[in-house]
Amino acid sequence: MERVHYGPLTARKAPKALGYQQPSSFTSVAVDSPAISVMTDLRQVSAATIAGDASLSDAARMMMARNVRLLLVIGADQMVVGLISALDTQGERPIQWLHDRGGKYADLRVGDLMIAAQDIDILELKDVLFAEVGHIVATLKAWGRQHALVAERDSSTGATLIRGIFSATQIGRQLGVAVQPFDVANTFAEIERTLAG
């Protein structure tokens, strides 16, 4: 087999008037756009995951590296055992947990503050397929959350699988709204103003 030799590409100097490409993954949406258009589809994007025994600092670093604010917590069998959000790692929950039980922040693990799988509210994909963006915004607002998970049943195994994730931040980006990640009330107020306008 002949070995391929790789050489460097030719470079040129950038012009004085240099623009930049805007992301194409976020298409513009309106209140009546299909809800599926604002869902992160885990068939197209790999899920951001972490183990329950990882530290909260590890979780925060993982979120920053993946540019997400939610991680699925995975057990040894690769099944989802819970979820943890940026609010869980940096908000009041760690402080309250330490106040109630003692210890140091460095000792906290994802499993200490995650939302257990059986406590996660999920939307069914079959319902999402007929919903509009306005339905998802109303759902997130009613739940008082930044994220909603979408599940579907695997036809071959019968297992329930997380298929997608709705994020208030992503919906805001697609609507052209500046979203404050830890200010749920203002985030939804701004999204609703944009949808109404």
N, C-alpha and C. Protein backbone atom coordinates (compact mmCIF):
# COMPACT_ATOMS: atom_id res chain seq x y z
N MET A 1 0.84 -1.18 0.00
CA MET A 1 0.00 0.00 0.00
C MET A 1 0.88 1.24 0.00
N GLU A 2 0.60 2.16 -0.88
CA GLU A 2 1.39 3.37 -1.00
C GLU A 2 1.04 4.34 0.12
N ARG A 3 2.07 4.88 0.74
CA ARG A 3 1.88 5.83 1.83
C ARG A 3 1.59 7.21 1.26
N VAL A 4 0.57 7.88 1.82
CA VAL A 4 0.18 9.21 1.36
C VAL A 4 1.00 10.25 2.11
N HIS A 5 1.54 11.21 1.39
CA HIS A 5 2.27 12.31 2.02
C HIS A 5 1.35 13.53 2.10
N TYR A 6 1.20 14.05 3.30
CA TYR A 6 0.37 15.23 3.50
C TYR A 6 1.24 16.46 3.61
N GLY A 7 0.95 17.44 2.79
CA GLY A 7 1.66 18.72 2.86
C GLY A 7 0.75 19.81 3.39
N PRO A 8 1.32 20.92 3.81
CA PRO A 8 0.49 22.01 4.34
C PRO A 8 -0.33 22.67 3.23
N LEU A 9 -1.46 23.22 3.62
CA LEU A 9 -2.29 23.97 2.68
C LEU A 9 -1.70 25.36 2.47
N THR A 10 -2.04 25.97 1.38
CA THR A 10 -1.56 27.31 1.07
C THR A 10 -2.41 28.33 1.81
N ALA A 11 -1.77 29.27 2.47
CA ALA A 11 -2.49 30.32 3.21
C ALA A 11 -2.36 31.63 2.47
N ARG A 12 -3.26 32.55 2.80
CA ARG A 12 -3.17 33.90 2.28
C ARG A 12 -3.52 34.86 3.41
N LYS A 13 -3.16 36.10 3.27
CA LYS A 13 -3.48 37.11 4.28
C LYS A 13 -4.95 37.51 4.14
N ALA A 14 -5.59 37.72 5.28
CA ALA A 14 -6.99 38.11 5.28
C ALA A 14 -7.13 39.55 4.79
N PRO A 15 -8.23 39.88 4.11
CA PRO A 15 -8.45 41.27 3.68
C PRO A 15 -8.82 42.14 4.88
N LYS A 16 -8.69 43.46 4.70
CA LYS A 16 -9.04 44.38 5.79
C LYS A 16 -10.51 44.26 6.17
N ALA A 17 -11.38 44.09 5.19
CA ALA A 17 -12.81 43.94 5.45
C ALA A 17 -13.09 42.44 5.58
N LEU A 18 -13.08 41.95 6.81
CA LEU A 18 -13.24 40.52 7.06
C LEU A 18 -14.47 40.30 7.92
N GLY A 19 -15.44 39.61 7.39
CA GLY A 19 -16.66 39.29 8.14
C GLY A 19 -16.55 37.92 8.76
N TYR A 20 -17.66 37.40 9.22
CA TYR A 20 -17.69 36.04 9.75
C TYR A 20 -19.04 35.41 9.47
N GLN A 21 -19.03 34.11 9.37
CA GLN A 21 -20.25 33.35 9.06
C GLN A 21 -21.09 33.19 10.31
N GLN A 22 -22.37 33.41 10.18
CA GLN A 22 -23.30 33.20 11.29
C GLN A 22 -23.69 31.72 11.33
N PRO A 23 -23.94 31.18 12.53
CA PRO A 23 -24.29 29.75 12.59
C PRO A 23 -25.57 29.46 11.81
N SER A 24 -25.53 28.36 11.09
CA SER A 24 -26.71 27.99 10.32
C SER A 24 -27.55 26.94 11.05
N SER A 25 -27.03 26.44 12.20
CA SER A 25 -27.77 25.41 12.91
C SER A 25 -29.00 25.98 13.62
N PHE A 26 -29.05 27.29 13.82
CA PHE A 26 -30.19 27.91 14.48
C PHE A 26 -31.00 28.66 13.43
N THR A 27 -32.04 28.03 12.96
CA THR A 27 -32.88 28.69 11.99
C THR A 27 -33.90 29.55 12.71
N SER A 28 -34.30 30.61 12.08
CA SER A 28 -35.28 31.52 12.66
C SER A 28 -36.61 30.81 12.85
N VAL A 29 -37.23 31.07 13.98
CA VAL A 29 -38.53 30.44 14.27
C VAL A 29 -39.53 31.49 14.72
N ALA A 30 -40.79 31.09 14.70
CA ALA A 30 -41.88 31.92 15.19
C ALA A 30 -42.73 31.07 16.13
N VAL A 31 -43.70 31.68 16.77
CA VAL A 31 -44.55 30.98 17.73
C VAL A 31 -45.26 29.79 17.10
N ASP A 32 -45.59 29.88 15.82
CA ASP A 32 -46.31 28.79 15.18
C ASP A 32 -45.41 27.86 14.37
N SER A 33 -44.10 27.99 14.52
CA SER A 33 -43.17 27.05 13.87
C SER A 33 -43.31 25.68 14.52
N PRO A 34 -43.01 24.62 13.78
CA PRO A 34 -43.08 23.28 14.38
C PRO A 34 -42.12 23.18 15.58
N ALA A 35 -42.59 22.60 16.67
CA ALA A 35 -41.77 22.46 17.87
C ALA A 35 -40.49 21.68 17.58
N ILE A 36 -40.58 20.72 16.71
CA ILE A 36 -39.43 19.87 16.39
C ILE A 36 -38.26 20.71 15.85
N SER A 37 -38.56 21.90 15.28
CA SER A 37 -37.51 22.75 14.71
C SER A 37 -36.62 23.38 15.78
N VAL A 38 -37.03 23.34 17.06
CA VAL A 38 -36.21 23.89 18.13
C VAL A 38 -35.71 22.82 19.09
N MET A 39 -35.94 21.55 18.73
CA MET A 39 -35.49 20.44 19.57
C MET A 39 -34.10 19.99 19.16
N THR A 40 -33.23 19.76 20.14
CA THR A 40 -31.94 19.13 19.87
C THR A 40 -32.21 17.64 19.75
N ASP A 41 -32.02 17.11 18.56
CA ASP A 41 -32.33 15.72 18.26
C ASP A 41 -31.10 14.87 18.56
N LEU A 42 -31.21 13.95 19.51
CA LEU A 42 -30.06 13.13 19.90
C LEU A 42 -29.72 12.06 18.87
N ARG A 43 -30.48 12.00 17.79
CA ARG A 43 -30.06 11.17 16.66
C ARG A 43 -29.06 11.92 15.78
N GLN A 44 -29.00 13.24 15.96
CA GLN A 44 -28.10 14.05 15.15
C GLN A 44 -26.96 14.66 15.95
N VAL A 45 -27.15 14.82 17.26
CA VAL A 45 -26.14 15.42 18.14
C VAL A 45 -25.95 14.48 19.32
N SER A 46 -24.71 14.15 19.63
CA SER A 46 -24.50 13.23 20.75
C SER A 46 -24.87 13.90 22.07
N ALA A 47 -25.47 13.12 22.95
CA ALA A 47 -25.89 13.62 24.25
C ALA A 47 -24.67 13.97 25.11
N ALA A 48 -24.79 15.02 25.89
CA ALA A 48 -23.75 15.40 26.85
C ALA A 48 -24.04 14.62 28.13
N THR A 49 -23.12 13.73 28.51
CA THR A 49 -23.35 12.85 29.64
C THR A 49 -22.22 12.95 30.66
N ILE A 50 -22.52 12.47 31.87
CA ILE A 50 -21.53 12.43 32.94
C ILE A 50 -21.93 11.32 33.90
N ALA A 51 -20.96 10.79 34.63
CA ALA A 51 -21.23 9.76 35.63
C ALA A 51 -21.66 10.41 36.94
N GLY A 52 -22.45 9.70 37.71
CA GLY A 52 -22.94 10.21 38.98
C GLY A 52 -21.86 10.44 40.02
N ASP A 53 -20.72 9.74 39.91
CA ASP A 53 -19.65 9.91 40.89
C ASP A 53 -18.66 11.02 40.50
N ALA A 54 -18.91 11.70 39.40
CA ALA A 54 -18.06 12.83 39.00
C ALA A 54 -18.31 14.00 39.95
N SER A 55 -17.33 14.86 40.09
CA SER A 55 -17.48 16.03 40.96
C SER A 55 -18.34 17.09 40.28
N LEU A 56 -18.89 18.00 41.09
CA LEU A 56 -19.67 19.11 40.51
C LEU A 56 -18.76 19.98 39.64
N SER A 57 -17.51 20.11 40.02
CA SER A 57 -16.57 20.89 39.20
C SER A 57 -16.38 20.23 37.84
N ASP A 58 -16.30 18.89 37.83
CA ASP A 58 -16.19 18.17 36.55
C ASP A 58 -17.43 18.42 35.69
N ALA A 59 -18.60 18.42 36.34
CA ALA A 59 -19.85 18.67 35.61
C ALA A 59 -19.84 20.07 35.01
N ALA A 60 -19.43 21.06 35.79
CA ALA A 60 -19.39 22.45 35.29
C ALA A 60 -18.42 22.56 34.11
N ARG A 61 -17.25 21.91 34.22
CA ARG A 61 -16.28 21.94 33.11
C ARG A 61 -16.84 21.26 31.86
N MET A 62 -17.53 20.13 32.06
CA MET A 62 -18.11 19.41 30.93
C MET A 62 -19.16 20.27 30.23
N MET A 63 -19.99 20.97 31.02
CA MET A 63 -21.00 21.84 30.42
C MET A 63 -20.35 22.94 29.61
N MET A 64 -19.30 23.53 30.15
CA MET A 64 -18.61 24.60 29.42
C MET A 64 -17.98 24.06 28.15
N ALA A 65 -17.36 22.89 28.22
CA ALA A 65 -16.70 22.31 27.05
C ALA A 65 -17.70 21.97 25.95
N ARG A 66 -18.89 21.51 26.34
CA ARG A 66 -19.91 21.12 25.36
C ARG A 66 -20.86 22.26 25.02
N ASN A 67 -20.72 23.41 25.71
CA ASN A 67 -21.58 24.57 25.51
C ASN A 67 -23.06 24.22 25.74
N VAL A 68 -23.29 23.51 26.86
CA VAL A 68 -24.64 23.12 27.27
C VAL A 68 -24.83 23.49 28.73
N ARG A 69 -26.06 23.45 29.17
CA ARG A 69 -26.38 23.73 30.57
C ARG A 69 -27.10 22.56 31.23
N LEU A 70 -27.06 21.40 30.58
CA LEU A 70 -27.72 20.20 31.10
C LEU A 70 -26.91 18.98 30.70
N LEU A 71 -26.69 18.08 31.65
CA LEU A 71 -26.01 16.81 31.37
C LEU A 71 -26.92 15.66 31.80
N LEU A 72 -26.95 14.62 30.99
CA LEU A 72 -27.62 13.39 31.39
C LEU A 72 -26.64 12.62 32.27
N VAL A 73 -27.11 12.14 33.41
CA VAL A 73 -26.25 11.37 34.32
C VAL A 73 -26.45 9.89 33.97
N ILE A 74 -25.34 9.23 33.66
CA ILE A 74 -25.37 7.86 33.15
C ILE A 74 -24.77 6.91 34.17
N GLY A 75 -25.44 5.76 34.37
CA GLY A 75 -24.92 4.71 35.25
C GLY A 75 -23.95 3.81 34.53
N ALA A 76 -23.42 2.82 35.26
CA ALA A 76 -22.44 1.89 34.69
C ALA A 76 -23.01 1.11 33.51
N ASP A 77 -24.34 0.91 33.49
CA ASP A 77 -24.99 0.17 32.40
C ASP A 77 -25.36 1.07 31.22
N GLN A 78 -24.90 2.33 31.26
CA GLN A 78 -25.17 3.33 30.21
C GLN A 78 -26.62 3.76 30.16
N MET A 79 -27.38 3.50 31.20
CA MET A 79 -28.76 3.96 31.30
C MET A 79 -28.78 5.30 32.04
N VAL A 80 -29.76 6.13 31.72
CA VAL A 80 -29.89 7.43 32.37
C VAL A 80 -30.41 7.23 33.79
N VAL A 81 -29.65 7.72 34.76
CA VAL A 81 -30.05 7.62 36.17
C VAL A 81 -30.52 8.96 36.71
N GLY A 82 -30.29 10.03 35.92
CA GLY A 82 -30.72 11.35 36.35
C GLY A 82 -30.24 12.42 35.40
N LEU A 83 -30.40 13.66 35.81
CA LEU A 83 -29.87 14.79 35.05
C LEU A 83 -29.42 15.85 36.02
N ILE A 84 -28.49 16.67 35.55
CA ILE A 84 -27.99 17.77 36.35
C ILE A 84 -27.83 18.99 35.45
N SER A 85 -28.24 20.14 35.97
CA SER A 85 -28.17 21.37 35.19
C SER A 85 -27.12 22.31 35.77
N ALA A 86 -26.82 23.35 35.03
CA ALA A 86 -25.88 24.36 35.51
C ALA A 86 -26.39 25.00 36.80
N LEU A 87 -27.68 25.16 36.89
CA LEU A 87 -28.28 25.72 38.10
C LEU A 87 -28.01 24.81 39.30
N ASP A 88 -28.01 23.49 39.08
CA ASP A 88 -27.73 22.54 40.16
C ASP A 88 -26.28 22.61 40.61
N THR A 89 -25.37 22.94 39.70
CA THR A 89 -23.95 22.96 40.06
C THR A 89 -23.49 24.31 40.57
N GLN A 90 -24.16 25.39 40.17
CA GLN A 90 -23.68 26.72 40.52
C GLN A 90 -24.70 27.57 41.26
N GLY A 91 -25.90 27.08 41.41
CA GLY A 91 -26.96 27.85 42.07
C GLY A 91 -26.98 27.65 43.57
N GLU A 92 -28.17 27.74 44.12
CA GLU A 92 -28.35 27.62 45.57
C GLU A 92 -28.32 26.18 46.07
N ARG A 93 -28.61 25.21 45.21
CA ARG A 93 -28.71 23.82 45.66
C ARG A 93 -27.43 23.30 46.33
N PRO A 94 -26.22 23.53 45.76
CA PRO A 94 -25.02 23.04 46.45
C PRO A 94 -24.83 23.70 47.82
N ILE A 95 -25.13 24.99 47.89
CA ILE A 95 -24.98 25.71 49.15
C ILE A 95 -25.94 25.14 50.20
N GLN A 96 -27.18 24.92 49.79
CA GLN A 96 -28.18 24.36 50.71
C GLN A 96 -27.79 22.95 51.14
N TRP A 97 -27.31 22.14 50.20
CA TRP A 97 -26.90 20.76 50.50
C TRP A 97 -25.78 20.77 51.54
N LEU A 98 -24.78 21.63 51.34
CA LEU A 98 -23.66 21.72 52.29
C LEU A 98 -24.13 22.26 53.63
N HIS A 99 -25.03 23.21 53.62
CA HIS A 99 -25.57 23.77 54.86
C HIS A 99 -26.29 22.68 55.67
N ASP A 100 -27.07 21.84 54.99
CA ASP A 100 -27.85 20.80 55.65
C ASP A 100 -26.99 19.63 56.13
N ARG A 101 -25.94 19.27 55.35
CA ARG A 101 -25.19 18.05 55.63
C ARG A 101 -23.74 18.27 56.01
N GLY A 102 -23.23 19.48 55.77
CA GLY A 102 -21.83 19.76 56.04
C GLY A 102 -20.94 19.30 54.90
N GLY A 103 -19.68 19.56 55.02
CA GLY A 103 -18.71 19.16 54.01
C GLY A 103 -18.21 20.35 53.21
N LYS A 104 -17.45 20.02 52.16
CA LYS A 104 -16.86 21.04 51.29
C LYS A 104 -17.40 20.86 49.87
N TYR A 105 -17.42 21.95 49.14
CA TYR A 105 -17.91 21.92 47.76
C TYR A 105 -17.13 20.89 46.94
N ALA A 106 -15.83 20.81 47.14
CA ALA A 106 -15.00 19.89 46.37
C ALA A 106 -15.41 18.44 46.56
N ASP A 107 -16.09 18.14 47.68
CA ASP A 107 -16.50 16.76 47.96
C ASP A 107 -17.85 16.40 47.32
N LEU A 108 -18.59 17.40 46.84
CA LEU A 108 -19.91 17.13 46.26
C LEU A 108 -19.77 16.39 44.94
N ARG A 109 -20.67 15.43 44.74
CA ARG A 109 -20.71 14.64 43.52
C ARG A 109 -22.00 14.93 42.77
N VAL A 110 -21.97 14.65 41.48
CA VAL A 110 -23.14 14.84 40.63
C VAL A 110 -24.34 14.11 41.22
N GLY A 111 -24.12 12.88 41.70
CA GLY A 111 -25.19 12.08 42.27
C GLY A 111 -25.85 12.71 43.50
N ASP A 112 -25.13 13.59 44.18
CA ASP A 112 -25.69 14.26 45.36
C ASP A 112 -26.78 15.25 44.99
N LEU A 113 -26.66 15.89 43.83
CA LEU A 113 -27.57 16.98 43.47
C LEU A 113 -28.39 16.74 42.20
N MET A 114 -28.18 15.61 41.55
CA MET A 114 -28.92 15.35 40.30
C MET A 114 -30.40 15.13 40.60
N ILE A 115 -31.20 15.33 39.57
CA ILE A 115 -32.62 14.97 39.61
C ILE A 115 -32.67 13.50 39.18
N ALA A 116 -33.19 12.63 40.04
CA ALA A 116 -33.24 11.20 39.73
C ALA A 116 -34.16 10.93 38.55
N ALA A 117 -33.84 9.90 37.78
CA ALA A 117 -34.60 9.58 36.57
C ALA A 117 -36.10 9.50 36.82
N GLN A 118 -36.50 8.88 37.91
CA GLN A 118 -37.93 8.71 38.18
C GLN A 118 -38.63 10.03 38.52
N ASP A 119 -37.87 11.10 38.75
CA ASP A 119 -38.44 12.42 39.04
C ASP A 119 -38.42 13.37 37.85
N ILE A 120 -37.92 12.89 36.71
CA ILE A 120 -37.81 13.72 35.51
C ILE A 120 -39.14 13.71 34.75
N ASP A 121 -39.64 14.89 34.43
CA ASP A 121 -40.81 15.00 33.56
C ASP A 121 -40.34 14.89 32.12
N ILE A 122 -41.04 14.09 31.32
CA ILE A 122 -40.68 13.95 29.91
C ILE A 122 -41.90 14.23 29.03
N LEU A 123 -41.61 14.71 27.84
CA LEU A 123 -42.64 14.87 26.82
C LEU A 123 -42.52 13.70 25.85
N GLU A 124 -43.63 13.29 25.29
CA GLU A 124 -43.62 12.19 24.32
C GLU A 124 -43.38 12.76 22.92
N LEU A 125 -42.50 12.12 22.15
CA LEU A 125 -42.19 12.57 20.80
C LEU A 125 -43.45 12.64 19.95
N LYS A 126 -44.36 11.69 20.10
CA LYS A 126 -45.58 11.67 19.29
C LYS A 126 -46.40 12.95 19.50
N ASP A 127 -46.35 13.53 20.71
CA ASP A 127 -47.05 14.79 20.97
C ASP A 127 -46.28 15.98 20.43
N VAL A 128 -44.96 15.93 20.57
CA VAL A 128 -44.10 17.02 20.10
C VAL A 128 -44.21 17.20 18.59
N LEU A 129 -44.37 16.09 17.87
CA LEU A 129 -44.45 16.16 16.41
C LEU A 129 -45.63 16.99 15.92
N PHE A 130 -46.65 17.15 16.76
CA PHE A 130 -47.83 17.93 16.39
C PHE A 130 -47.91 19.26 17.12
N ALA A 131 -46.87 19.59 17.88
CA ALA A 131 -46.85 20.83 18.67
C ALA A 131 -46.12 21.94 17.93
N GLU A 132 -46.32 23.15 18.41
CA GLU A 132 -45.63 24.33 17.87
C GLU A 132 -44.71 24.91 18.95
N VAL A 133 -43.84 25.81 18.54
CA VAL A 133 -42.89 26.44 19.48
C VAL A 133 -43.63 27.05 20.67
N GLY A 134 -44.77 27.67 20.43
CA GLY A 134 -45.53 28.28 21.52
C GLY A 134 -45.92 27.27 22.59
N HIS A 135 -46.22 26.02 22.19
CA HIS A 135 -46.54 24.97 23.16
C HIS A 135 -45.33 24.66 24.04
N ILE A 136 -44.15 24.63 23.44
CA ILE A 136 -42.95 24.29 24.20
C ILE A 136 -42.61 25.41 25.17
N VAL A 137 -42.71 26.67 24.72
CA VAL A 137 -42.46 27.80 25.61
C VAL A 137 -43.44 27.76 26.78
N ALA A 138 -44.71 27.50 26.51
CA ALA A 138 -45.72 27.43 27.57
C ALA A 138 -45.41 26.29 28.54
N THR A 139 -44.93 25.16 28.03
CA THR A 139 -44.59 24.02 28.88
C THR A 139 -43.42 24.35 29.78
N LEU A 140 -42.35 24.89 29.21
CA LEU A 140 -41.18 25.25 30.01
C LEU A 140 -41.54 26.28 31.08
N LYS A 141 -42.37 27.25 30.70
CA LYS A 141 -42.78 28.27 31.65
C LYS A 141 -43.62 27.65 32.77
N ALA A 142 -44.55 26.77 32.42
CA ALA A 142 -45.40 26.12 33.43
C ALA A 142 -44.56 25.27 34.39
N TRP A 143 -43.54 24.63 33.85
CA TRP A 143 -42.66 23.80 34.68
C TRP A 143 -41.66 24.65 35.46
N GLY A 144 -41.42 25.90 35.03
CA GLY A 144 -40.42 26.75 35.67
C GLY A 144 -39.01 26.24 35.43
N ARG A 145 -38.79 25.69 34.23
CA ARG A 145 -37.50 25.07 33.93
C ARG A 145 -36.93 25.59 32.62
N GLN A 146 -35.64 25.41 32.47
CA GLN A 146 -34.93 25.81 31.26
C GLN A 146 -34.91 24.70 30.21
N HIS A 147 -35.19 23.45 30.62
CA HIS A 147 -35.07 22.31 29.72
C HIS A 147 -36.27 21.38 29.84
N ALA A 148 -36.55 20.69 28.74
CA ALA A 148 -37.54 19.61 28.74
C ALA A 148 -36.97 18.48 27.89
N LEU A 149 -37.11 17.26 28.40
CA LEU A 149 -36.64 16.09 27.67
C LEU A 149 -37.79 15.48 26.88
N VAL A 150 -37.46 14.97 25.70
CA VAL A 150 -38.44 14.34 24.82
C VAL A 150 -38.06 12.87 24.70
N ALA A 151 -39.03 11.99 24.94
CA ALA A 151 -38.76 10.56 24.92
C ALA A 151 -39.60 9.86 23.86
N GLU A 152 -39.11 8.71 23.44
CA GLU A 152 -39.88 7.84 22.54
C GLU A 152 -39.59 6.40 22.92
N ARG A 153 -40.52 5.54 22.58
CA ARG A 153 -40.36 4.10 22.88
C ARG A 153 -39.65 3.43 21.70
N ASP A 154 -38.62 2.65 22.02
CA ASP A 154 -37.90 1.90 21.00
C ASP A 154 -38.79 0.74 20.57
N SER A 155 -39.15 0.69 19.30
CA SER A 155 -40.10 -0.32 18.81
C SER A 155 -39.54 -1.73 18.91
N SER A 156 -38.23 -1.89 18.86
CA SER A 156 -37.66 -3.25 18.90
C SER A 156 -37.49 -3.76 20.33
N THR A 157 -37.18 -2.88 21.29
CA THR A 157 -36.94 -3.34 22.66
C THR A 157 -38.05 -2.94 23.63
N GLY A 158 -38.83 -1.94 23.26
CA GLY A 158 -39.87 -1.44 24.17
C GLY A 158 -39.34 -0.48 25.21
N ALA A 159 -38.03 -0.23 25.21
CA ALA A 159 -37.42 0.68 26.19
C ALA A 159 -37.75 2.13 25.85
N THR A 160 -37.87 2.95 26.87
CA THR A 160 -38.07 4.38 26.67
C THR A 160 -36.70 5.03 26.53
N LEU A 161 -36.50 5.78 25.46
CA LEU A 161 -35.23 6.43 25.18
C LEU A 161 -35.43 7.94 25.09
N ILE A 162 -34.47 8.70 25.60
CA ILE A 162 -34.52 10.15 25.42
C ILE A 162 -34.12 10.43 23.99
N ARG A 163 -35.01 11.07 23.25
CA ARG A 163 -34.78 11.35 21.83
C ARG A 163 -34.29 12.77 21.61
N GLY A 164 -34.72 13.71 22.48
CA GLY A 164 -34.34 15.10 22.25
C GLY A 164 -34.45 15.94 23.50
N ILE A 165 -33.97 17.16 23.37
CA ILE A 165 -33.98 18.11 24.48
C ILE A 165 -34.41 19.47 23.96
N PHE A 166 -35.35 20.09 24.68
CA PHE A 166 -35.70 21.48 24.42
C PHE A 166 -34.96 22.33 25.43
N SER A 167 -34.40 23.44 24.97
CA SER A 167 -33.66 24.35 25.82
C SER A 167 -34.19 25.77 25.61
N ALA A 168 -34.54 26.43 26.70
CA ALA A 168 -35.00 27.82 26.60
C ALA A 168 -33.93 28.68 25.95
N THR A 169 -32.66 28.39 26.24
CA THR A 169 -31.56 29.15 25.66
C THR A 169 -31.55 29.01 24.14
N GLN A 170 -31.68 27.78 23.66
CA GLN A 170 -31.67 27.56 22.21
C GLN A 170 -32.89 28.19 21.56
N ILE A 171 -34.05 28.05 22.18
CA ILE A 171 -35.26 28.66 21.62
C ILE A 171 -35.07 30.17 21.55
N GLY A 172 -34.50 30.76 22.60
CA GLY A 172 -34.22 32.20 22.61
C GLY A 172 -33.30 32.60 21.48
N ARG A 173 -32.23 31.81 21.26
CA ARG A 173 -31.29 32.10 20.16
C ARG A 173 -32.01 32.10 18.82
N GLN A 174 -32.85 31.08 18.63
CA GLN A 174 -33.54 30.96 17.35
C GLN A 174 -34.59 32.06 17.17
N LEU A 175 -35.06 32.62 18.28
CA LEU A 175 -36.00 33.74 18.21
C LEU A 175 -35.27 35.08 18.16
N GLY A 176 -33.95 35.06 18.38
CA GLY A 176 -33.17 36.29 18.41
C GLY A 176 -33.31 37.03 19.74
N VAL A 177 -33.54 36.28 20.83
CA VAL A 177 -33.74 36.87 22.16
C VAL A 177 -32.50 36.58 23.01
N ALA A 178 -32.01 37.59 23.73
CA ALA A 178 -30.92 37.38 24.68
C ALA A 178 -31.49 36.67 25.90
N VAL A 179 -30.96 35.49 26.22
CA VAL A 179 -31.48 34.69 27.32
C VAL A 179 -30.53 34.75 28.50
N GLN A 180 -31.08 34.99 29.69
CA GLN A 180 -30.31 34.96 30.93
C GLN A 180 -30.42 33.55 31.49
N PRO A 181 -29.33 32.78 31.53
CA PRO A 181 -29.41 31.36 31.86
C PRO A 181 -30.00 31.04 33.23
N PHE A 182 -29.80 31.87 34.23
CA PHE A 182 -30.29 31.53 35.56
C PHE A 182 -31.52 32.34 35.97
N ASP A 183 -32.06 33.13 35.05
CA ASP A 183 -33.21 33.96 35.36
C ASP A 183 -34.40 33.48 34.55
N VAL A 184 -35.03 32.41 35.04
CA VAL A 184 -36.10 31.75 34.30
C VAL A 184 -37.26 32.70 34.01
N ALA A 185 -37.68 33.46 35.02
CA ALA A 185 -38.84 34.35 34.84
C ALA A 185 -38.59 35.38 33.75
N ASN A 186 -37.43 36.06 33.79
CA ASN A 186 -37.12 37.07 32.77
C ASN A 186 -36.91 36.44 31.40
N THR A 187 -36.32 35.24 31.36
CA THR A 187 -36.12 34.54 30.09
C THR A 187 -37.45 34.33 29.39
N PHE A 188 -38.44 33.80 30.11
CA PHE A 188 -39.73 33.51 29.49
C PHE A 188 -40.50 34.78 29.19
N ALA A 189 -40.33 35.80 30.01
CA ALA A 189 -40.99 37.08 29.71
C ALA A 189 -40.46 37.65 28.40
N GLU A 190 -39.14 37.58 28.20
CA GLU A 190 -38.54 38.08 26.97
C GLU A 190 -38.95 37.24 25.76
N ILE A 191 -38.97 35.92 25.91
CA ILE A 191 -39.39 35.05 24.81
C ILE A 191 -40.85 35.34 24.46
N GLU A 192 -41.71 35.49 25.46
CA GLU A 192 -43.12 35.76 25.20
C GLU A 192 -43.31 37.10 24.51
N ARG A 193 -42.52 38.12 24.90
CA ARG A 193 -42.62 39.43 24.22
C ARG A 193 -42.25 39.28 22.74
N THR A 194 -41.20 38.50 22.48
CA THR A 194 -40.76 38.30 21.10
C THR A 194 -41.83 37.53 20.31
N LEU A 195 -42.40 36.51 20.92
CA LEU A 195 -43.43 35.73 20.23
C LEU A 195 -44.68 36.55 19.96
N ALA A 196 -45.02 37.47 20.89
CA ALA A 196 -46.22 38.29 20.73
C ALA A 196 -46.01 39.37 19.67
N GLY A 197 -44.74 39.82 19.52
CA GLY A 197 -44.44 40.90 18.59
C GLY A 197 -44.35 40.40 17.22
